[in-house]
Amino acid sequence: MPTKQLLLRLPEELVGKFRGTVPQRQRSAFVGNLLEQALAAWADDDTDPLYLTALAVEQDHRLASETTDWQEATIADGLKEAPTH
């Protein structure tokens, strides 16, 4: 895969820890892996397993009805209204 050089400005202390921890020939791969993970978490795509599960639950009418029943039954469970002065 073709590569490109990227200039980043980071705090000196962080750079020192990075250089002291990650071997010189492994730094680009290390940063690349971190970026891939972080960008995947920010991605706005429909492949996240948790999103797909929530979507499936929302689209299942039986589960949606059951969820509504539970919400109505527990919405104020254990909560007391604040006294008015």
PDB file of N, CA and C in Angstrom:
ATOM      1  N   MET A   1       0.843  -1.167   0.000  1.00  0.00           N
ATOM      2  CA  MET A   1       0.000   0.000   0.000  1.00  0.00           C
ATOM      3  C   MET A   1       0.893   1.236   0.000  1.00  0.00           C
ATOM      4  N   PRO A   2       0.579   2.193  -0.856  1.00  0.00           N
ATOM      5  CA  PRO A   2       1.378   3.424  -0.884  1.00  0.00           C
ATOM      6  C   PRO A   2       1.236   4.179   0.437  1.00  0.00           C
ATOM      7  N   THR A   3       2.286   4.887   0.788  1.00  0.00           N
ATOM      8  CA  THR A   3       2.257   5.646   2.040  1.00  0.00           C
ATOM      9  C   THR A   3       2.499   7.121   1.767  1.00  0.00           C
ATOM     10  N   LYS A   4       2.138   7.942   2.750  1.00  0.00           N
ATOM     11  CA  LYS A   4       2.377   9.381   2.704  1.00  0.00           C
ATOM     12  C   LYS A   4       2.952   9.800   4.028  1.00  0.00           C
ATOM     13  N   GLN A   5       3.778  10.800   3.984  1.00  0.00           N
ATOM     14  CA  GLN A   5       4.365  11.332   5.206  1.00  0.00           C
ATOM     15  C   GLN A   5       3.395  12.350   5.805  1.00  0.00           C
ATOM     16  N   LEU A   6       3.320  12.360   7.155  1.00  0.00           N
ATOM     17  CA  LEU A   6       2.413  13.246   7.862  1.00  0.00           C
ATOM     18  C   LEU A   6       3.170  13.931   8.993  1.00  0.00           C
ATOM     19  N   LEU A   7       3.061  15.232   9.068  1.00  0.00           N
ATOM     20  CA  LEU A   7       3.717  15.983  10.130  1.00  0.00           C
ATOM     21  C   LEU A   7       2.697  16.280  11.219  1.00  0.00           C
ATOM     22  N   LEU A   8       3.015  15.867  12.435  1.00  0.00           N
ATOM     23  CA  LEU A   8       2.142  16.107  13.585  1.00  0.00           C
ATOM     24  C   LEU A   8       2.903  16.883  14.645  1.00  0.00           C
ATOM     25  N   ARG A   9       2.195  17.719  15.365  1.00  0.00           N
ATOM     26  CA  ARG A   9       2.788  18.424  16.501  1.00  0.00           C
ATOM     27  C   ARG A   9       2.129  17.884  17.757  1.00  0.00           C
ATOM     28  N   LEU A  10       2.963  17.338  18.639  1.00  0.00           N
ATOM     29  CA  LEU A  10       2.483  16.731  19.873  1.00  0.00           C
ATOM     30  C   LEU A  10       3.281  17.283  21.051  1.00  0.00           C
ATOM     31  N   PRO A  11       2.721  17.215  22.250  1.00  0.00           N
ATOM     32  CA  PRO A  11       3.464  17.661  23.430  1.00  0.00           C
ATOM     33  C   PRO A  11       4.771  16.879  23.592  1.00  0.00           C
ATOM     34  N   GLU A  12       5.820  17.566  24.013  1.00  0.00           N
ATOM     35  CA  GLU A  12       7.145  16.931  24.157  1.00  0.00           C
ATOM     36  C   GLU A  12       7.095  15.702  25.053  1.00  0.00           C
ATOM     37  N   GLU A  13       6.352  15.803  26.149  1.00  0.00           N
ATOM     38  CA  GLU A  13       6.281  14.673  27.092  1.00  0.00           C
ATOM     39  C   GLU A  13       5.680  13.443  26.425  1.00  0.00           C
ATOM     40  N   LEU A  14       4.641  13.643  25.627  1.00  0.00           N
ATOM     41  CA  LEU A  14       4.006  12.532  24.921  1.00  0.00           C
ATOM     42  C   LEU A  14       4.948  11.920  23.897  1.00  0.00           C
ATOM     43  N   VAL A  15       5.664  12.767  23.171  1.00  0.00           N
ATOM     44  CA  VAL A  15       6.632  12.275  22.181  1.00  0.00           C
ATOM     45  C   VAL A  15       7.728  11.474  22.876  1.00  0.00           C
ATOM     46  N   GLY A  16       8.181  11.946  24.029  1.00  0.00           N
ATOM     47  CA  GLY A  16       9.207  11.224  24.785  1.00  0.00           C
ATOM     48  C   GLY A  16       8.732   9.839  25.201  1.00  0.00           C
ATOM     49  N   LYS A  17       7.503   9.765  25.692  1.00  0.00           N
ATOM     50  CA  LYS A  17       6.938   8.459  26.085  1.00  0.00           C
ATOM     51  C   LYS A  17       6.806   7.546  24.866  1.00  0.00           C
ATOM     52  N   PHE A  18       6.338   8.130  23.763  1.00  0.00           N
ATOM     53  CA  PHE A  18       6.154   7.362  22.530  1.00  0.00           C
ATOM     54  C   PHE A  18       7.481   6.782  22.058  1.00  0.00           C
ATOM     55  N   ARG A  19       8.498   7.636  21.986  1.00  0.00           N
ATOM     56  CA  ARG A  19       9.816   7.176  21.522  1.00  0.00           C
ATOM     57  C   ARG A  19      10.448   6.189  22.503  1.00  0.00           C
ATOM     58  N   GLY A  20      10.167   6.350  23.779  1.00  0.00           N
ATOM     59  CA  GLY A  20      10.732   5.443  24.776  1.00  0.00           C
ATOM     60  C   GLY A  20      10.025   4.104  24.845  1.00  0.00           C
ATOM     61  N   THR A  21       8.812   4.048  24.305  1.00  0.00           N
ATOM     62  CA  THR A  21       8.015   2.829  24.404  1.00  0.00           C
ATOM     63  C   THR A  21       7.971   2.037  23.102  1.00  0.00           C
ATOM     64  N   VAL A  22       7.771   2.728  21.994  1.00  0.00           N
ATOM     65  CA  VAL A  22       7.592   2.053  20.698  1.00  0.00           C
ATOM     66  C   VAL A  22       8.918   2.067  19.949  1.00  0.00           C
ATOM     67  N   PRO A  23       9.416   0.893  19.568  1.00  0.00           N
ATOM     68  CA  PRO A  23      10.675   0.837  18.833  1.00  0.00           C
ATOM     69  C   PRO A  23      10.624   1.652  17.543  1.00  0.00           C
ATOM     70  N   GLN A  24      11.748   2.203  17.142  1.00  0.00           N
ATOM     71  CA  GLN A  24      11.854   3.116  16.010  1.00  0.00           C
ATOM     72  C   GLN A  24      11.226   2.573  14.738  1.00  0.00           C
ATOM     73  N   ARG A  25      11.476   1.356  14.380  1.00  0.00           N
ATOM     74  CA  ARG A  25      10.984   0.797  13.110  1.00  0.00           C
ATOM     75  C   ARG A  25       9.511   0.370  13.184  1.00  0.00           C
ATOM     76  N   GLN A  26       8.883   0.535  14.328  1.00  0.00           N
ATOM     77  CA  GLN A  26       7.487   0.114  14.486  1.00  0.00           C
ATOM     78  C   GLN A  26       6.537   1.298  14.720  1.00  0.00           C
ATOM     79  N   ARG A  27       7.060   2.509  14.731  1.00  0.00           N
ATOM     80  CA  ARG A  27       6.256   3.682  15.091  1.00  0.00           C
ATOM     81  C   ARG A  27       5.177   4.011  14.070  1.00  0.00           C
ATOM     82  N   SER A  28       5.492   3.952  12.803  1.00  0.00           N
ATOM     83  CA  SER A  28       4.484   4.262  11.780  1.00  0.00           C
ATOM     84  C   SER A  28       3.321   3.271  11.849  1.00  0.00           C
ATOM     85  N   ALA A  29       3.630   1.998  11.972  1.00  0.00           N
ATOM     86  CA  ALA A  29       2.584   0.974  12.072  1.00  0.00           C
ATOM     87  C   ALA A  29       1.759   1.178  13.346  1.00  0.00           C
ATOM     88  N   PHE A  30       2.421   1.540  14.432  1.00  0.00           N
ATOM     89  CA  PHE A  30       1.748   1.778  15.707  1.00  0.00           C
ATOM     90  C   PHE A  30       0.737   2.923  15.569  1.00  0.00           C
ATOM     91  N   VAL A  31       1.185   4.033  15.021  1.00  0.00           N
ATOM     92  CA  VAL A  31       0.302   5.195  14.842  1.00  0.00           C
ATOM     93  C   VAL A  31      -0.800   4.862  13.831  1.00  0.00           C
ATOM     94  N   GLY A  32      -0.468   4.153  12.781  1.00  0.00           N
ATOM     95  CA  GLY A  32      -1.473   3.753  11.797  1.00  0.00           C
ATOM     96  C   GLY A  32      -2.574   2.908  12.421  1.00  0.00           C
ATOM     97  N   ASN A  33      -2.180   1.944  13.258  1.00  0.00           N
ATOM     98  CA  ASN A  33      -3.176   1.099  13.941  1.00  0.00           C
ATOM     99  C   ASN A  33      -4.057   1.920  14.867  1.00  0.00           C
ATOM    100  N   LEU A  34      -3.445   2.844  15.614  1.00  0.00           N
ATOM    101  CA  LEU A  34      -4.227   3.707  16.501  1.00  0.00           C
ATOM    102  C   LEU A  34      -5.229   4.546  15.720  1.00  0.00           C
ATOM    103  N   LEU A  35      -4.777   5.106  14.594  1.00  0.00           N
ATOM    104  CA  LEU A  35      -5.667   5.922  13.769  1.00  0.00           C
ATOM    105  C   LEU A  35      -6.818   5.091  13.195  1.00  0.00           C
ATOM    106  N   GLU A  36      -6.520   3.883  12.738  1.00  0.00           N
ATOM    107  CA  GLU A  36      -7.579   3.026  12.194  1.00  0.00           C
ATOM    108  C   GLU A  36      -8.630   2.724  13.254  1.00  0.00           C
ATOM    109  N   GLN A  37      -8.194   2.404  14.468  1.00  0.00           N
ATOM    110  CA  GLN A  37      -9.131   2.116  15.558  1.00  0.00           C
ATOM    111  C   GLN A  37      -9.957   3.343  15.917  1.00  0.00           C
ATOM    112  N   ALA A  38      -9.290   4.481  16.065  1.00  0.00           N
ATOM    113  CA  ALA A  38      -9.987   5.705  16.456  1.00  0.00           C
ATOM    114  C   ALA A  38     -10.960   6.155  15.367  1.00  0.00           C
ATOM    115  N   LEU A  39     -10.544   6.076  14.130  1.00  0.00           N
ATOM    116  CA  LEU A  39     -11.410   6.506  13.034  1.00  0.00           C
ATOM    117  C   LEU A  39     -12.601   5.563  12.861  1.00  0.00           C
ATOM    118  N   ALA A  40     -12.406   4.284  13.130  1.00  0.00           N
ATOM    119  CA  ALA A  40     -13.522   3.338  13.057  1.00  0.00           C
ATOM    120  C   ALA A  40     -14.576   3.686  14.104  1.00  0.00           C
ATOM    121  N   ALA A  41     -14.129   4.123  15.280  1.00  0.00           N
ATOM    122  CA  ALA A  41     -15.068   4.512  16.332  1.00  0.00           C
ATOM    123  C   ALA A  41     -15.831   5.774  15.941  1.00  0.00           C
ATOM    124  N   TRP A  42     -15.224   6.637  15.133  1.00  0.00           N
ATOM    125  CA  TRP A  42     -15.856   7.886  14.700  1.00  0.00           C
ATOM    126  C   TRP A  42     -16.680   7.704  13.436  1.00  0.00           C
ATOM    127  N   ALA A  43     -16.496   6.572  12.790  1.00  0.00           N
ATOM    128  CA  ALA A  43     -17.131   6.354  11.490  1.00  0.00           C
ATOM    129  C   ALA A  43     -18.648   6.452  11.604  1.00  0.00           C
ATOM    130  N   ASP A  44     -19.233   6.966  10.584  1.00  0.00           N
ATOM    131  CA  ASP A  44     -20.672   7.143  10.544  1.00  0.00           C
ATOM    132  C   ASP A  44     -21.260   6.119   9.575  1.00  0.00           C
ATOM    133  N   ASP A  45     -20.823   4.872   9.730  1.00  0.00           N
ATOM    134  CA  ASP A  45     -21.312   3.854   8.808  1.00  0.00           C
ATOM    135  C   ASP A  45     -22.216   2.876   9.555  1.00  0.00           C
ATOM    136  N   ASP A  46     -22.890   2.064   8.812  1.00  0.00           N
ATOM    137  CA  ASP A  46     -23.867   1.146   9.379  1.00  0.00           C
ATOM    138  C   ASP A  46     -23.307  -0.257   9.593  1.00  0.00           C
ATOM    139  N   THR A  47     -22.027  -0.375   9.931  1.00  0.00           N
ATOM    140  CA  THR A  47     -21.433  -1.692  10.120  1.00  0.00           C
ATOM    141  C   THR A  47     -21.124  -1.993  11.583  1.00  0.00           C
ATOM    142  N   ASP A  48     -21.360  -1.037  12.483  1.00  0.00           N
ATOM    143  CA  ASP A  48     -21.079  -1.242  13.895  1.00  0.00           C
ATOM    144  C   ASP A  48     -22.045  -2.296  14.445  1.00  0.00           C
ATOM    145  N   PRO A  49     -21.535  -3.389  15.029  1.00  0.00           N
ATOM    146  CA  PRO A  49     -22.402  -4.462  15.514  1.00  0.00           C
ATOM    147  C   PRO A  49     -23.412  -3.991  16.572  1.00  0.00           C
ATOM    148  N   LEU A  50     -23.009  -3.097  17.447  1.00  0.00           N
ATOM    149  CA  LEU A  50     -23.926  -2.597  18.469  1.00  0.00           C
ATOM    150  C   LEU A  50     -25.059  -1.797  17.824  1.00  0.00           C
ATOM    151  N   TYR A  51     -24.729  -0.973  16.847  1.00  0.00           N
ATOM    152  CA  TYR A  51     -25.748  -0.206  16.115  1.00  0.00           C
ATOM    153  C   TYR A  51     -26.709  -1.144  15.409  1.00  0.00           C
ATOM    154  N   LEU A  52     -26.169  -2.157  14.735  1.00  0.00           N
ATOM    155  CA  LEU A  52     -27.016  -3.089  13.998  1.00  0.00           C
ATOM    156  C   LEU A  52     -27.945  -3.854  14.932  1.00  0.00           C
ATOM    157  N   THR A  53     -27.461  -4.208  16.119  1.00  0.00           N
ATOM    158  CA  THR A  53     -28.297  -4.894  17.102  1.00  0.00           C
ATOM    159  C   THR A  53     -29.422  -3.987  17.584  1.00  0.00           C
ATOM    160  N   ALA A  54     -29.076  -2.738  17.915  1.00  0.00           N
ATOM    161  CA  ALA A  54     -30.098  -1.787  18.362  1.00  0.00           C
ATOM    162  C   ALA A  54     -31.131  -1.552  17.267  1.00  0.00           C
ATOM    163  N   LEU A  55     -30.682  -1.461  16.042  1.00  0.00           N
ATOM    164  CA  LEU A  55     -31.587  -1.256  14.913  1.00  0.00           C
ATOM    165  C   LEU A  55     -32.527  -2.447  14.759  1.00  0.00           C
ATOM    166  N   ALA A  56     -32.006  -3.651  14.893  1.00  0.00           N
ATOM    167  CA  ALA A  56     -32.830  -4.855  14.781  1.00  0.00           C
ATOM    168  C   ALA A  56     -33.885  -4.894  15.882  1.00  0.00           C
ATOM    169  N   VAL A  57     -33.508  -4.506  17.086  1.00  0.00           N
ATOM    170  CA  VAL A  57     -34.463  -4.469  18.202  1.00  0.00           C
ATOM    171  C   VAL A  57     -35.556  -3.445  17.920  1.00  0.00           C
ATOM    172  N   GLU A  58     -35.169  -2.273  17.425  1.00  0.00           N
ATOM    173  CA  GLU A  58     -36.153  -1.236  17.122  1.00  0.00           C
ATOM    174  C   GLU A  58     -37.126  -1.678  16.031  1.00  0.00           C
ATOM    175  N   GLN A  59     -36.656  -2.477  15.104  1.00  0.00           N
ATOM    176  CA  GLN A  59     -37.495  -2.886  13.980  1.00  0.00           C
ATOM    177  C   GLN A  59     -38.343  -4.116  14.295  1.00  0.00           C
ATOM    178  N   ASP A  60     -38.056  -4.783  15.412  1.00  0.00           N
ATOM    179  CA  ASP A  60     -38.842  -5.943  15.828  1.00  0.00           C
ATOM    180  C   ASP A  60     -40.018  -5.432  16.659  1.00  0.00           C
ATOM    181  N   HIS A  61     -41.229  -5.487  16.106  1.00  0.00           N
ATOM    182  CA  HIS A  61     -42.406  -4.907  16.757  1.00  0.00           C
ATOM    183  C   HIS A  61     -42.691  -5.540  18.121  1.00  0.00           C
ATOM    184  N   ARG A  62     -42.474  -6.846  18.236  1.00  0.00           N
ATOM    185  CA  ARG A  62     -42.716  -7.523  19.510  1.00  0.00           C
ATOM    186  C   ARG A  62     -41.751  -7.003  20.572  1.00  0.00           C
ATOM    187  N   LEU A  63     -40.465  -6.909  20.227  1.00  0.00           N
ATOM    188  CA  LEU A  63     -39.478  -6.403  21.184  1.00  0.00           C
ATOM    189  C   LEU A  63     -39.705  -4.930  21.488  1.00  0.00           C
ATOM    190  N   ALA A  64     -40.072  -4.146  20.483  1.00  0.00           N
ATOM    191  CA  ALA A  64     -40.322  -2.730  20.702  1.00  0.00           C
ATOM    192  C   ALA A  64     -41.489  -2.537  21.667  1.00  0.00           C
ATOM    193  N   SER A  65     -42.534  -3.347  21.514  1.00  0.00           N
ATOM    194  CA  SER A  65     -43.693  -3.273  22.405  1.00  0.00           C
ATOM    195  C   SER A  65     -43.296  -3.665  23.825  1.00  0.00           C
ATOM    196  N   GLU A  66     -42.508  -4.710  23.948  1.00  0.00           N
ATOM    197  CA  GLU A  66     -42.056  -5.147  25.268  1.00  0.00           C
ATOM    198  C   GLU A  66     -41.164  -4.092  25.921  1.00  0.00           C
ATOM    199  N   THR A  67     -40.305  -3.472  25.135  1.00  0.00           N
ATOM    200  CA  THR A  67     -39.443  -2.414  25.658  1.00  0.00           C
ATOM    201  C   THR A  67     -40.274  -1.243  26.149  1.00  0.00           C
ATOM    202  N   THR A  68     -41.308  -0.874  25.395  1.00  0.00           N
ATOM    203  CA  THR A  68     -42.194   0.216  25.804  1.00  0.00           C
ATOM    204  C   THR A  68     -42.887  -0.132  27.115  1.00  0.00           C
ATOM    205  N   ASP A  69     -43.364  -1.372  27.241  1.00  0.00           N
ATOM    206  CA  ASP A  69     -44.005  -1.807  28.486  1.00  0.00           C
ATOM    207  C   ASP A  69     -43.048  -1.674  29.670  1.00  0.00           C
ATOM    208  N   TRP A  70     -41.803  -2.099  29.487  1.00  0.00           N
ATOM    209  CA  TRP A  70     -40.810  -2.008  30.561  1.00  0.00           C
ATOM    210  C   TRP A  70     -40.500  -0.554  30.900  1.00  0.00           C
ATOM    211  N   GLN A  71     -40.392   0.287  29.900  1.00  0.00           N
ATOM    212  CA  GLN A  71     -40.108   1.697  30.152  1.00  0.00           C
ATOM    213  C   GLN A  71     -41.241   2.332  30.952  1.00  0.00           C
ATOM    214  N   GLU A  72     -42.475   2.047  30.566  1.00  0.00           N
ATOM    215  CA  GLU A  72     -43.619   2.613  31.269  1.00  0.00           C
ATOM    216  C   GLU A  72     -43.685   2.111  32.708  1.00  0.00           C
ATOM    217  N   ALA A  73     -43.328   0.848  32.924  1.00  0.00           N
ATOM    218  CA  ALA A  73     -43.403   0.269  34.266  1.00  0.00           C
ATOM    219  C   ALA A  73     -42.279   0.738  35.177  1.00  0.00           C
ATOM    220  N   THR A  74     -41.156   1.139  34.590  1.00  0.00           N
ATOM    221  CA  THR A  74     -39.988   1.471  35.423  1.00  0.00           C
ATOM    222  C   THR A  74     -39.528   2.908  35.317  1.00  0.00           C
ATOM    223  N   ILE A  75     -40.272   3.741  34.606  1.00  0.00           N
ATOM    224  CA  ILE A  75     -39.798   5.093  34.330  1.00  0.00           C
ATOM    225  C   ILE A  75     -39.507   5.877  35.612  1.00  0.00           C
ATOM    226  N   ALA A  76     -40.304   5.705  36.640  1.00  0.00           N
ATOM    227  CA  ALA A  76     -40.084   6.441  37.889  1.00  0.00           C
ATOM    228  C   ALA A  76     -39.688   5.500  39.027  1.00  0.00           C
ATOM    229  N   ASP A  77     -39.276   4.319  38.692  1.00  0.00           N
ATOM    230  CA  ASP A  77     -38.925   3.328  39.688  1.00  0.00           C
ATOM    231  C   ASP A  77     -37.801   3.819  40.590  1.00  0.00           C
ATOM    232  N   GLY A  78     -38.118   4.009  41.851  1.00  0.00           N
ATOM    233  CA  GLY A  78     -37.102   4.428  42.824  1.00  0.00           C
ATOM    234  C   GLY A  78     -36.850   5.908  42.851  1.00  0.00           C
ATOM    235  N   LEU A  79     -37.542   6.665  42.032  1.00  0.00           N
ATOM    236  CA  LEU A  79     -37.331   8.110  41.987  1.00  0.00           C
ATOM    237  C   LEU A  79     -38.470   8.815  42.717  1.00  0.00           C
ATOM    238  N   LYS A  80     -38.119   9.809  43.456  1.00  0.00           N
ATOM    239  CA  LYS A  80     -39.120  10.600  44.151  1.00  0.00           C
ATOM    240  C   LYS A  80     -39.092  12.004  43.592  1.00  0.00           C
ATOM    241  N   GLU A  81     -40.255  12.623  43.543  1.00  0.00           N
ATOM    242  CA  GLU A  81     -40.292  14.004  43.069  1.00  0.00           C
ATOM    243  C   GLU A  81     -39.606  14.911  44.090  1.00  0.00           C
ATOM    244  N   ALA A  82     -38.919  15.908  43.592  1.00  0.00           N
ATOM    245  CA  ALA A  82     -38.256  16.864  44.477  1.00  0.00           C
ATOM    246  C   ALA A  82     -39.319  17.700  45.162  1.00  0.00           C
ATOM    247  N   PRO A  83     -39.128  17.975  46.449  1.00  0.00           N
ATOM    248  CA  PRO A  83     -40.104  18.814  47.149  1.00  0.00           C
ATOM    249  C   PRO A  83     -40.135  20.203  46.569  1.00  0.00           C
ATOM    250  N   THR A  84     -41.315  20.764  46.483  1.00  0.00           N
ATOM    251  CA  THR A  84     -41.441  22.131  46.003  1.00  0.00           C
ATOM    252  C   THR A  84     -41.522  23.072  47.182  1.00  0.00           C
ATOM    253  N   HIS A  85     -40.905  24.195  47.079  1.00  0.00           N
ATOM    254  CA  HIS A  85     -40.871  25.160  48.208  1.00  0.00           C
ATOM    255  C   HIS A  85     -41.785  26.300  47.966  1.00  0.00           C
TER     256      HIS A  85
END
